[in-house]
Structures are given as C-alpha cells and as structure tokens.
Amino acid sequence: MPRYMSLIRIDEKNAPEGGPSNELMQRMGVLLEEMTKAGVMLDTGGLKSTAEGTRVHWEGGKISVTDGPFTETKEVIGGYALLQCKDLAEAQEWVTRFLKVHEEYWTVTCELREIVSG
C-alpha cells in the first residue's frame, strides 16, 4: 500500500498568536485518533518555528549554514503527517478532513506527495 507525506505549510507571520485553539486541538485529536484506528496515520508531528531552525545549503561545492528565522520565506513547513492509503484519492480525502478542522482564520496548505518505495 502506498505511503504519502503530507507537508503542512503555514504562513508564520499570519498564524494566530498563541498557536492553535483548544477547540482546534480537540478536533484534531479526534481526527488523528480516527486515522490511527483506520491504519492510515503512521506518524505525525508539528515543527517549532523557523526562529529555532537552521538551514544547511550546498551550492558550488560549498556548504553554508543560515540560522532562522527565515524572513524571505512566506510559507514554512509547520508539521507533517506520514499516511498509508490505498491511493492518492484516499490520501486527499484525509488531508481535506485535516484542513477542515481548522477555523476559517487559518491559512494552511498541505503538500501531498507519494513516497518512493525502494
């Protein structure tokens, strides 16, 4: 059965102060429990802000390291979910349900990509 990585993108500058509401976390907990029981959710997690991150870049045979925050970036990966679904359509259904648990003032994008088996 194929596995999919959902990269959860947010705009850090427009994210609600204080993070997700308690109500959102409750709704998300219910959905994640359902996904786990269905055998779809393999792993998930949120990421700390870019202010606490580092970028390591390779170009022209040289490494450069940049400490966050990354002000030139509009959208950042705020979390991820590793899903196992029968096909892309099923993965899209679960990701759509995940997005719908958010309040209307959130702007969230999930980039969904199949993991190459090998």
C-alpha atoms as a PDB file:
ATOM      1  CA  MET A   1       0.000   0.000   0.000  1.00  0.00           C
ATOM      2  CA  PRO A   2       1.477   3.390  -0.961  1.00  0.00           C
ATOM      3  CA  ARG A   3       2.689   5.862   1.648  1.00  0.00           C
ATOM      4  CA  TYR A   4       2.247   9.612   1.380  1.00  0.00           C
ATOM      5  CA  MET A   5       3.930  12.541   3.083  1.00  0.00           C
ATOM      6  CA  SER A   6       1.724  15.497   3.840  1.00  0.00           C
ATOM      7  CA  LEU A   7       3.831  18.611   4.373  1.00  0.00           C
ATOM      8  CA  ILE A   8       1.712  21.087   6.295  1.00  0.00           C
ATOM      9  CA  ARG A   9       2.539  24.605   5.174  1.00  0.00           C
ATOM     10  CA  ILE A  10       1.610  27.715   7.129  1.00  0.00           C
ATOM     11  CA  ASP A  11       2.398  31.419   6.926  1.00  0.00           C
ATOM     12  CA  GLU A  12       4.201  32.018  10.229  1.00  0.00           C
ATOM     13  CA  LYS A  13       3.591  35.761  10.005  1.00  0.00           C
ATOM     14  CA  ASN A  14      -0.194  35.278   9.858  1.00  0.00           C
ATOM     15  CA  ALA A  15      -0.561  32.313  12.206  1.00  0.00           C
ATOM     16  CA  PRO A  16      -2.802  33.014  15.201  1.00  0.00           C
ATOM     17  CA  GLU A  17      -0.925  34.343  18.207  1.00  0.00           C
ATOM     18  CA  GLY A  18      -0.656  31.640  20.825  1.00  0.00           C
ATOM     19  CA  GLY A  19      -0.990  28.875  18.245  1.00  0.00           C
ATOM     20  CA  PRO A  20      -3.954  26.558  17.750  1.00  0.00           C
ATOM     21  CA  SER A  21      -7.032  26.994  19.929  1.00  0.00           C
ATOM     22  CA  ASN A  22      -8.008  24.331  22.451  1.00  0.00           C
ATOM     23  CA  GLU A  23     -11.064  23.552  20.318  1.00  0.00           C
ATOM     24  CA  LEU A  24      -8.885  23.016  17.243  1.00  0.00           C
ATOM     25  CA  MET A  25      -6.562  20.716  19.180  1.00  0.00           C
ATOM     26  CA  GLN A  26      -9.562  18.688  20.393  1.00  0.00           C
ATOM     27  CA  ARG A  27     -10.994  18.334  16.876  1.00  0.00           C
ATOM     28  CA  MET A  28      -7.567  17.430  15.533  1.00  0.00           C
ATOM     29  CA  GLY A  29      -7.103  14.838  18.295  1.00  0.00           C
ATOM     30  CA  VAL A  30     -10.388  13.159  17.362  1.00  0.00           C
ATOM     31  CA  LEU A  31      -9.438  13.060  13.664  1.00  0.00           C
ATOM     32  CA  LEU A  32      -5.916  11.782  14.339  1.00  0.00           C
ATOM     33  CA  GLU A  33      -7.307   9.037  16.560  1.00  0.00           C
ATOM     34  CA  GLU A  34      -9.725   8.023  13.785  1.00  0.00           C
ATOM     35  CA  MET A  35      -6.885   7.996  11.250  1.00  0.00           C
ATOM     36  CA  THR A  36      -4.723   5.881  13.555  1.00  0.00           C
ATOM     37  CA  LYS A  37      -7.510   3.361  14.165  1.00  0.00           C
ATOM     38  CA  ALA A  38      -8.115   3.163  10.398  1.00  0.00           C
ATOM     39  CA  GLY A  39      -4.436   2.278   9.901  1.00  0.00           C
ATOM     40  CA  VAL A  40      -3.839   5.391   7.806  1.00  0.00           C
ATOM     41  CA  MET A  41      -1.732   7.504  10.186  1.00  0.00           C
ATOM     42  CA  LEU A  42       1.818   6.206  10.512  1.00  0.00           C
ATOM     43  CA  ASP A  43       3.351   9.304  12.131  1.00  0.00           C
ATOM     44  CA  THR A  44       2.633  12.994  12.589  1.00  0.00           C
ATOM     45  CA  GLY A  45       4.136  15.981  14.315  1.00  0.00           C
ATOM     46  CA  GLY A  46       4.372  19.721  14.460  1.00  0.00           C
ATOM     47  CA  LEU A  47       7.573  21.680  13.974  1.00  0.00           C
ATOM     48  CA  LYS A  48       8.978  24.546  16.013  1.00  0.00           C
ATOM     49  CA  SER A  49       9.118  27.979  14.387  1.00  0.00           C
ATOM     50  CA  THR A  50      11.798  28.891  11.868  1.00  0.00           C
ATOM     51  CA  ALA A  51      13.296  31.175  14.523  1.00  0.00           C
ATOM     52  CA  GLU A  52      14.564  27.982  16.146  1.00  0.00           C
ATOM     53  CA  GLY A  53      15.663  26.364  12.886  1.00  0.00           C
ATOM     54  CA  THR A  54      18.780  26.216  10.737  1.00  0.00           C
ATOM     55  CA  ARG A  55      19.221  25.813   7.000  1.00  0.00           C
ATOM     56  CA  VAL A  56      22.187  23.934   5.601  1.00  0.00           C
ATOM     57  CA  HIS A  57      22.710  24.653   1.891  1.00  0.00           C
ATOM     58  CA  TRP A  58      25.007  23.024  -0.676  1.00  0.00           C
ATOM     59  CA  GLU A  59      25.967  25.030  -3.757  1.00  0.00           C
ATOM     60  CA  GLY A  60      29.072  25.181  -5.918  1.00  0.00           C
ATOM     61  CA  GLY A  61      30.809  22.584  -3.804  1.00  0.00           C
ATOM     62  CA  LYS A  62      30.416  24.614  -0.596  1.00  0.00           C
ATOM     63  CA  ILE A  63      28.217  24.375   2.488  1.00  0.00           C
ATOM     64  CA  SER A  64      26.552  27.412   4.019  1.00  0.00           C
ATOM     65  CA  VAL A  65      24.574  27.495   7.255  1.00  0.00           C
ATOM     66  CA  THR A  66      21.862  30.063   7.978  1.00  0.00           C
ATOM     67  CA  ASP A  67      20.137  30.382  11.342  1.00  0.00           C
ATOM     68  CA  GLY A  68      16.436  31.210  11.445  1.00  0.00           C
ATOM     69  CA  PRO A  69      14.139  32.967  11.288  1.00  0.00           C
ATOM     70  CA  PHE A  70      13.942  32.889   7.517  1.00  0.00           C
ATOM     71  CA  THR A  71      12.305  36.229   6.781  1.00  0.00           C
ATOM     72  CA  GLU A  72      12.314  35.796   2.996  1.00  0.00           C
ATOM     73  CA  THR A  73      10.040  32.767   3.288  1.00  0.00           C
ATOM     74  CA  LYS A  74       6.276  33.292   3.133  1.00  0.00           C
ATOM     75  CA  GLU A  75       5.171  29.704   3.754  1.00  0.00           C
ATOM     76  CA  VAL A  76       7.041  27.299   6.008  1.00  0.00           C
ATOM     77  CA  ILE A  77       6.516  23.662   6.895  1.00  0.00           C
ATOM     78  CA  GLY A  78       4.732  23.745  10.237  1.00  0.00           C
ATOM     79  CA  GLY A  79       4.230  19.994  10.532  1.00  0.00           C
ATOM     80  CA  TYR A  80       3.929  16.731   8.706  1.00  0.00           C
ATOM     81  CA  ALA A  81       1.892  13.557   8.535  1.00  0.00           C
ATOM     82  CA  LEU A  82       3.006  10.206   7.166  1.00  0.00           C
ATOM     83  CA  LEU A  83      -0.021   8.378   5.741  1.00  0.00           C
ATOM     84  CA  GLN A  84      -0.573   4.926   4.291  1.00  0.00           C
ATOM     85  CA  CYS A  85      -3.539   4.887   1.926  1.00  0.00           C
ATOM     86  CA  LYS A  86      -4.848   2.717  -0.894  1.00  0.00           C
ATOM     87  CA  ASP A  87      -4.314   5.547  -3.400  1.00  0.00           C
ATOM     88  CA  LEU A  88      -3.843   9.291  -3.828  1.00  0.00           C
ATOM     89  CA  ALA A  89      -7.605   9.925  -3.756  1.00  0.00           C
ATOM     90  CA  GLU A  90      -7.902   8.419  -0.276  1.00  0.00           C
ATOM     91  CA  ALA A  91      -4.896  10.432   0.939  1.00  0.00           C
ATOM     92  CA  GLN A  92      -6.521  13.612  -0.429  1.00  0.00           C
ATOM     93  CA  GLU A  93      -9.740  12.806   1.446  1.00  0.00           C
ATOM     94  CA  TRP A  94      -7.882  12.504   4.769  1.00  0.00           C
ATOM     95  CA  VAL A  95      -5.868  15.680   4.134  1.00  0.00           C
ATOM     96  CA  THR A  96      -9.056  17.556   3.249  1.00  0.00           C
ATOM     97  CA  ARG A  97     -10.620  16.448   6.532  1.00  0.00           C
ATOM     98  CA  PHE A  98      -7.485  17.597   8.373  1.00  0.00           C
ATOM     99  CA  LEU A  99      -7.688  21.058   6.782  1.00  0.00           C
ATOM    100  CA  LYS A 100     -11.400  21.382   7.612  1.00  0.00           C
ATOM    101  CA  VAL A 101     -10.808  21.021  11.377  1.00  0.00           C
ATOM    102  CA  HIS A 102      -9.102  24.440  11.295  1.00  0.00           C
ATOM    103  CA  GLU A 103     -11.021  27.632  11.971  1.00  0.00           C
ATOM    104  CA  GLU A 104     -11.674  29.927   8.996  1.00  0.00           C
ATOM    105  CA  TYR A 105      -8.967  32.423  10.008  1.00  0.00           C
ATOM    106  CA  TRP A 106      -6.203  29.848   9.432  1.00  0.00           C
ATOM    107  CA  THR A 107      -4.368  29.653   6.114  1.00  0.00           C
ATOM    108  CA  VAL A 108      -2.990  26.130   5.766  1.00  0.00           C
ATOM    109  CA  THR A 109      -1.799  24.192   2.730  1.00  0.00           C
ATOM    110  CA  CYS A 110      -0.929  20.505   2.671  1.00  0.00           C
ATOM    111  CA  GLU A 111       1.511  19.408   0.016  1.00  0.00           C
ATOM    112  CA  LEU A 112       0.786  15.727  -0.530  1.00  0.00           C
ATOM    113  CA  ARG A 113       3.435  13.547  -2.151  1.00  0.00           C
ATOM    114  CA  GLU A 114       3.814   9.814  -2.584  1.00  0.00           C
ATOM    115  CA  ILE A 115       6.932   8.313  -1.031  1.00  0.00           C
ATOM    116  CA  VAL A 116       9.126   6.416  -3.474  1.00  0.00           C
ATOM    117  CA  SER A 117       9.409   2.797  -2.419  1.00  0.00           C
ATOM    118  CA  GLY A 118      12.678   1.059  -2.814  1.00  0.00           C
END
